[in-house]
Amino acid sequence: MLSNLRSQVHPGETALAFYTATNPTKKPVTGISTYNVIPFEAGLYFNKIQCFCFEEQLLNPHEQVDMPVFFYIDPDFAEDPKMENIDSITLSYTFFEAKEGLQLPQPLSS
């Protein structure tokens, strides 16, 4: 769940958002978060500077943590005619329980 539900970010500005994760169970859970950007085309311009995604996170029983993501929208977003009608970008995360020994591929660096 996103802690700060909405953020107004202009292309070229950096922003910090926090996502809250809660373990409602009675056992520790280790998981990995993956992200998604909607609309898909805007993902080209979404740049994470620092993120908790793709790193295993341990959540103890009934623990709640705020996880930060520091990002910016590339200034070229404002110059792309295909982005002309896009005034909102949604960033979401999905938390998956980690499988011991499973190695995820690392994202390509730009």
N, C-alpha and C. Protein backbone atom coordinates (compact mmCIF):
# COMPACT_ATOMS: atom_id res chain seq x y z
N MET A 1 0.84 -1.16 0.00
CA MET A 1 0.00 0.00 0.00
C MET A 1 0.89 1.23 0.00
N LEU A 2 0.57 2.18 -0.85
CA LEU A 2 1.33 3.43 -0.91
C LEU A 2 0.98 4.29 0.29
N SER A 3 2.01 4.75 1.01
CA SER A 3 1.77 5.56 2.19
C SER A 3 1.30 6.96 1.83
N ASN A 4 1.97 7.59 0.87
CA ASN A 4 1.49 8.88 0.39
C ASN A 4 0.78 8.61 -0.93
N LEU A 5 -0.55 8.62 -0.91
CA LEU A 5 -1.34 8.12 -2.03
C LEU A 5 -1.13 8.87 -3.34
N ARG A 6 -0.90 10.15 -3.27
CA ARG A 6 -0.69 10.92 -4.49
C ARG A 6 0.50 11.84 -4.31
N SER A 7 1.22 12.01 -5.40
CA SER A 7 2.36 12.91 -5.43
C SER A 7 2.32 13.63 -6.76
N GLN A 8 2.50 14.91 -6.74
CA GLN A 8 2.60 15.64 -7.99
C GLN A 8 4.08 15.83 -8.28
N VAL A 9 4.52 15.24 -9.39
CA VAL A 9 5.93 15.28 -9.77
C VAL A 9 6.01 15.79 -11.20
N HIS A 10 6.82 16.79 -11.41
CA HIS A 10 7.02 17.33 -12.75
C HIS A 10 8.25 16.68 -13.37
N PRO A 11 8.25 16.51 -14.70
CA PRO A 11 9.42 15.92 -15.35
C PRO A 11 10.71 16.64 -14.94
N GLY A 12 11.71 15.84 -14.60
CA GLY A 12 13.00 16.36 -14.17
C GLY A 12 13.15 16.48 -12.66
N GLU A 13 12.03 16.51 -11.93
CA GLU A 13 12.08 16.59 -10.47
C GLU A 13 12.27 15.21 -9.87
N THR A 14 12.96 15.16 -8.75
CA THR A 14 13.05 13.90 -8.02
C THR A 14 11.92 13.84 -6.99
N ALA A 15 11.54 12.64 -6.62
CA ALA A 15 10.47 12.46 -5.65
C ALA A 15 10.77 11.24 -4.79
N LEU A 16 10.23 11.26 -3.60
CA LEU A 16 10.37 10.15 -2.66
C LEU A 16 8.97 9.68 -2.27
N ALA A 17 8.72 8.40 -2.45
CA ALA A 17 7.44 7.82 -2.05
C ALA A 17 7.72 6.65 -1.12
N PHE A 18 6.76 6.36 -0.26
CA PHE A 18 6.89 5.24 0.67
C PHE A 18 5.73 4.28 0.46
N TYR A 19 6.06 3.00 0.40
CA TYR A 19 5.07 1.95 0.32
C TYR A 19 5.08 1.20 1.64
N THR A 20 3.90 0.91 2.16
CA THR A 20 3.78 0.20 3.42
C THR A 20 3.50 -1.27 3.14
N ALA A 21 4.29 -2.13 3.77
CA ALA A 21 4.08 -3.57 3.67
C ALA A 21 3.79 -4.09 5.07
N THR A 22 2.83 -4.99 5.16
CA THR A 22 2.43 -5.57 6.45
C THR A 22 2.41 -7.08 6.34
N ASN A 23 2.97 -7.72 7.34
CA ASN A 23 2.90 -9.18 7.43
C ASN A 23 1.81 -9.50 8.45
N PRO A 24 0.64 -9.93 8.00
CA PRO A 24 -0.46 -10.21 8.93
C PRO A 24 -0.39 -11.60 9.55
N THR A 25 0.64 -12.37 9.20
CA THR A 25 0.71 -13.76 9.66
C THR A 25 1.48 -13.89 10.97
N LYS A 26 1.50 -15.11 11.49
CA LYS A 26 2.21 -15.41 12.73
C LYS A 26 3.61 -15.95 12.47
N LYS A 27 4.05 -15.90 11.19
CA LYS A 27 5.39 -16.40 10.86
C LYS A 27 6.14 -15.36 10.04
N PRO A 28 7.48 -15.37 10.14
CA PRO A 28 8.26 -14.45 9.31
C PRO A 28 8.06 -14.76 7.83
N VAL A 29 8.07 -13.73 7.01
CA VAL A 29 7.91 -13.90 5.57
C VAL A 29 9.04 -13.13 4.88
N THR A 30 9.73 -13.81 3.99
CA THR A 30 10.74 -13.16 3.17
C THR A 30 10.18 -13.06 1.76
N GLY A 31 10.25 -11.86 1.20
CA GLY A 31 9.67 -11.67 -0.12
C GLY A 31 10.45 -10.68 -0.95
N ILE A 32 10.03 -10.57 -2.19
CA ILE A 32 10.62 -9.66 -3.16
C ILE A 32 9.48 -8.88 -3.80
N SER A 33 9.72 -7.59 -4.01
CA SER A 33 8.72 -6.75 -4.66
C SER A 33 9.14 -6.44 -6.09
N THR A 34 8.18 -6.47 -6.97
CA THR A 34 8.40 -6.04 -8.34
C THR A 34 7.49 -4.85 -8.60
N TYR A 35 7.87 -4.01 -9.54
CA TYR A 35 7.09 -2.81 -9.79
C TYR A 35 6.47 -2.81 -11.18
N ASN A 36 5.48 -1.96 -11.34
CA ASN A 36 4.79 -1.79 -12.60
C ASN A 36 4.47 -0.31 -12.77
N VAL A 37 4.61 0.19 -13.99
CA VAL A 37 4.28 1.58 -14.30
C VAL A 37 3.17 1.58 -15.34
N ILE A 38 2.12 2.34 -15.06
CA ILE A 38 0.98 2.47 -15.98
C ILE A 38 0.77 3.95 -16.25
N PRO A 39 0.55 4.39 -17.46
CA PRO A 39 0.51 3.60 -18.69
C PRO A 39 1.90 3.06 -19.06
N PHE A 40 1.87 1.93 -19.69
CA PHE A 40 3.09 1.21 -20.02
C PHE A 40 4.10 2.11 -20.76
N GLU A 41 3.61 2.91 -21.70
CA GLU A 41 4.50 3.76 -22.51
C GLU A 41 5.28 4.75 -21.66
N ALA A 42 4.71 5.18 -20.55
CA ALA A 42 5.38 6.14 -19.67
C ALA A 42 6.53 5.50 -18.90
N GLY A 43 6.55 4.18 -18.83
CA GLY A 43 7.61 3.47 -18.11
C GLY A 43 8.99 3.79 -18.64
N LEU A 44 9.08 4.12 -19.91
CA LEU A 44 10.35 4.50 -20.53
C LEU A 44 10.96 5.71 -19.84
N TYR A 45 10.11 6.57 -19.29
CA TYR A 45 10.57 7.82 -18.68
C TYR A 45 10.63 7.77 -17.16
N PHE A 46 10.21 6.65 -16.58
CA PHE A 46 10.23 6.51 -15.13
C PHE A 46 11.57 5.93 -14.71
N ASN A 47 12.30 6.64 -13.86
CA ASN A 47 13.64 6.21 -13.45
C ASN A 47 13.74 6.11 -11.93
N LYS A 48 14.06 4.91 -11.46
CA LYS A 48 14.26 4.71 -10.03
C LYS A 48 15.72 5.03 -9.70
N ILE A 49 15.93 5.86 -8.69
CA ILE A 49 17.27 6.18 -8.22
C ILE A 49 17.65 5.20 -7.11
N GLN A 50 16.70 4.96 -6.22
CA GLN A 50 16.89 4.00 -5.14
C GLN A 50 15.55 3.33 -4.88
N CYS A 51 15.59 2.01 -4.74
CA CYS A 51 14.33 1.26 -4.60
C CYS A 51 14.55 -0.02 -3.81
N PHE A 52 13.53 -0.40 -3.10
CA PHE A 52 13.55 -1.65 -2.34
C PHE A 52 13.24 -2.85 -3.23
N CYS A 53 12.77 -2.60 -4.44
CA CYS A 53 12.36 -3.70 -5.31
C CYS A 53 13.56 -4.55 -5.73
N PHE A 54 13.29 -5.78 -6.01
CA PHE A 54 14.27 -6.78 -6.42
C PHE A 54 15.26 -7.15 -5.32
N GLU A 55 15.04 -6.66 -4.09
CA GLU A 55 15.86 -7.07 -2.95
C GLU A 55 14.95 -7.81 -1.97
N GLU A 56 15.46 -8.90 -1.42
CA GLU A 56 14.64 -9.64 -0.45
C GLU A 56 14.39 -8.78 0.79
N GLN A 57 13.16 -8.84 1.26
CA GLN A 57 12.75 -8.12 2.46
C GLN A 57 12.21 -9.14 3.46
N LEU A 58 12.67 -9.08 4.69
CA LEU A 58 12.15 -9.95 5.74
C LEU A 58 11.14 -9.17 6.55
N LEU A 59 9.94 -9.70 6.64
CA LEU A 59 8.90 -9.11 7.48
C LEU A 59 8.59 -10.09 8.59
N ASN A 60 8.82 -9.67 9.81
CA ASN A 60 8.53 -10.51 10.97
C ASN A 60 7.03 -10.58 11.21
N PRO A 61 6.57 -11.52 12.04
CA PRO A 61 5.14 -11.65 12.30
C PRO A 61 4.52 -10.31 12.74
N HIS A 62 3.46 -9.92 12.06
CA HIS A 62 2.68 -8.72 12.36
C HIS A 62 3.48 -7.42 12.19
N GLU A 63 4.62 -7.50 11.54
CA GLU A 63 5.44 -6.30 11.33
C GLU A 63 4.88 -5.47 10.18
N GLN A 64 5.00 -4.17 10.31
CA GLN A 64 4.64 -3.24 9.26
C GLN A 64 5.84 -2.33 9.01
N VAL A 65 6.24 -2.21 7.74
CA VAL A 65 7.39 -1.38 7.40
C VAL A 65 7.04 -0.43 6.26
N ASP A 66 7.66 0.75 6.28
CA ASP A 66 7.56 1.69 5.17
C ASP A 66 8.82 1.56 4.34
N MET A 67 8.65 1.29 3.06
CA MET A 67 9.79 1.09 2.17
C MET A 67 9.84 2.23 1.16
N PRO A 68 11.00 2.89 1.06
CA PRO A 68 11.10 4.06 0.19
C PRO A 68 11.48 3.73 -1.25
N VAL A 69 11.01 4.57 -2.14
CA VAL A 69 11.47 4.55 -3.53
C VAL A 69 11.72 6.01 -3.92
N PHE A 70 12.93 6.26 -4.39
CA PHE A 70 13.36 7.58 -4.80
C PHE A 70 13.43 7.54 -6.33
N PHE A 71 12.75 8.46 -7.01
CA PHE A 71 12.62 8.36 -8.46
C PHE A 71 12.51 9.74 -9.11
N TYR A 72 12.55 9.74 -10.43
CA TYR A 72 12.25 10.94 -11.20
C TYR A 72 11.67 10.55 -12.54
N ILE A 73 10.96 11.51 -13.14
CA ILE A 73 10.42 11.35 -14.49
C ILE A 73 11.39 12.09 -15.41
N ASP A 74 11.90 11.38 -16.40
CA ASP A 74 12.86 11.97 -17.33
C ASP A 74 12.27 13.22 -17.98
N PRO A 75 13.04 14.31 -18.06
CA PRO A 75 12.52 15.54 -18.67
C PRO A 75 12.07 15.36 -20.12
N ASP A 76 12.61 14.36 -20.82
CA ASP A 76 12.19 14.10 -22.20
C ASP A 76 10.72 13.71 -22.29
N PHE A 77 10.14 13.28 -21.17
CA PHE A 77 8.71 12.94 -21.14
C PHE A 77 7.88 14.10 -21.69
N ALA A 78 8.21 15.32 -21.27
CA ALA A 78 7.44 16.51 -21.66
C ALA A 78 7.59 16.84 -23.14
N GLU A 79 8.64 16.33 -23.77
CA GLU A 79 8.90 16.64 -25.18
C GLU A 79 8.38 15.56 -26.13
N ASP A 80 7.95 14.43 -25.61
CA ASP A 80 7.50 13.31 -26.44
C ASP A 80 6.04 13.51 -26.81
N PRO A 81 5.74 13.67 -28.09
CA PRO A 81 4.34 13.88 -28.50
C PRO A 81 3.42 12.71 -28.13
N LYS A 82 3.98 11.51 -27.99
CA LYS A 82 3.15 10.35 -27.60
C LYS A 82 2.70 10.43 -26.14
N MET A 83 3.34 11.29 -25.36
CA MET A 83 2.99 11.44 -23.94
C MET A 83 2.07 12.65 -23.71
N GLU A 84 1.72 13.32 -24.79
CA GLU A 84 0.96 14.57 -24.72
C GLU A 84 -0.33 14.48 -23.89
N ASN A 85 -1.04 13.39 -24.00
CA ASN A 85 -2.32 13.24 -23.28
C ASN A 85 -2.20 12.49 -21.96
N ILE A 86 -0.99 12.22 -21.54
CA ILE A 86 -0.78 11.51 -20.28
C ILE A 86 -0.50 12.52 -19.19
N ASP A 87 -1.40 12.59 -18.22
CA ASP A 87 -1.20 13.53 -17.11
C ASP A 87 -1.11 12.81 -15.77
N SER A 88 -1.09 11.49 -15.83
CA SER A 88 -1.01 10.71 -14.60
C SER A 88 -0.23 9.42 -14.86
N ILE A 89 0.71 9.12 -13.98
CA ILE A 89 1.47 7.88 -14.05
C ILE A 89 1.27 7.15 -12.74
N THR A 90 0.96 5.86 -12.81
CA THR A 90 0.74 5.06 -11.61
C THR A 90 1.88 4.08 -11.43
N LEU A 91 2.46 4.11 -10.23
CA LEU A 91 3.51 3.16 -9.85
C LEU A 91 2.91 2.21 -8.84
N SER A 92 3.01 0.92 -9.10
CA SER A 92 2.48 -0.07 -8.15
C SER A 92 3.52 -1.14 -7.91
N TYR A 93 3.35 -1.85 -6.81
CA TYR A 93 4.26 -2.92 -6.42
C TYR A 93 3.47 -4.17 -6.09
N THR A 94 4.06 -5.32 -6.39
CA THR A 94 3.51 -6.60 -6.00
C THR A 94 4.57 -7.32 -5.18
N PHE A 95 4.19 -7.82 -4.00
CA PHE A 95 5.10 -8.51 -3.10
C PHE A 95 4.90 -10.01 -3.28
N PHE A 96 5.97 -10.71 -3.62
CA PHE A 96 5.94 -12.16 -3.80
C PHE A 96 6.79 -12.80 -2.72
N GLU A 97 6.30 -13.88 -2.16
CA GLU A 97 7.12 -14.62 -1.20
C GLU A 97 8.30 -15.23 -1.94
N ALA A 98 9.50 -15.06 -1.38
CA ALA A 98 10.72 -15.54 -2.02
C ALA A 98 10.82 -17.06 -1.89
N LYS A 99 11.37 -17.67 -2.91
CA LYS A 99 11.64 -19.11 -2.90
C LYS A 99 13.12 -19.29 -2.64
N GLU A 100 13.47 -20.07 -1.63
CA GLU A 100 14.87 -20.25 -1.27
C GLU A 100 15.66 -20.79 -2.46
N GLY A 101 16.81 -20.14 -2.73
CA GLY A 101 17.69 -20.58 -3.81
C GLY A 101 17.33 -20.02 -5.18
N LEU A 102 16.17 -19.40 -5.32
CA LEU A 102 15.75 -18.85 -6.61
C LEU A 102 16.42 -17.51 -6.83
N GLN A 103 17.11 -17.35 -7.96
CA GLN A 103 17.77 -16.10 -8.30
C GLN A 103 16.98 -15.40 -9.40
N LEU A 104 16.56 -14.17 -9.13
CA LEU A 104 15.86 -13.39 -10.15
C LEU A 104 16.86 -12.69 -11.04
N PRO A 105 16.53 -12.52 -12.33
CA PRO A 105 17.43 -11.75 -13.19
C PRO A 105 17.43 -10.30 -12.74
N GLN A 106 18.58 -9.66 -12.83
CA GLN A 106 18.71 -8.26 -12.44
C GLN A 106 18.26 -7.39 -13.61
N PRO A 107 17.62 -6.24 -13.31
CA PRO A 107 17.21 -5.34 -14.39
C PRO A 107 18.45 -4.77 -15.11
N LEU A 108 18.28 -4.51 -16.38
CA LEU A 108 19.37 -3.94 -17.16
C LEU A 108 19.57 -2.49 -16.75
N SER A 109 20.81 -2.07 -16.62
CA SER A 109 21.06 -0.67 -16.29
C SER A 109 21.12 0.13 -17.59
N SER A 110 20.67 1.37 -17.48
CA SER A 110 20.61 2.21 -18.70
C SER A 110 21.91 2.90 -18.95
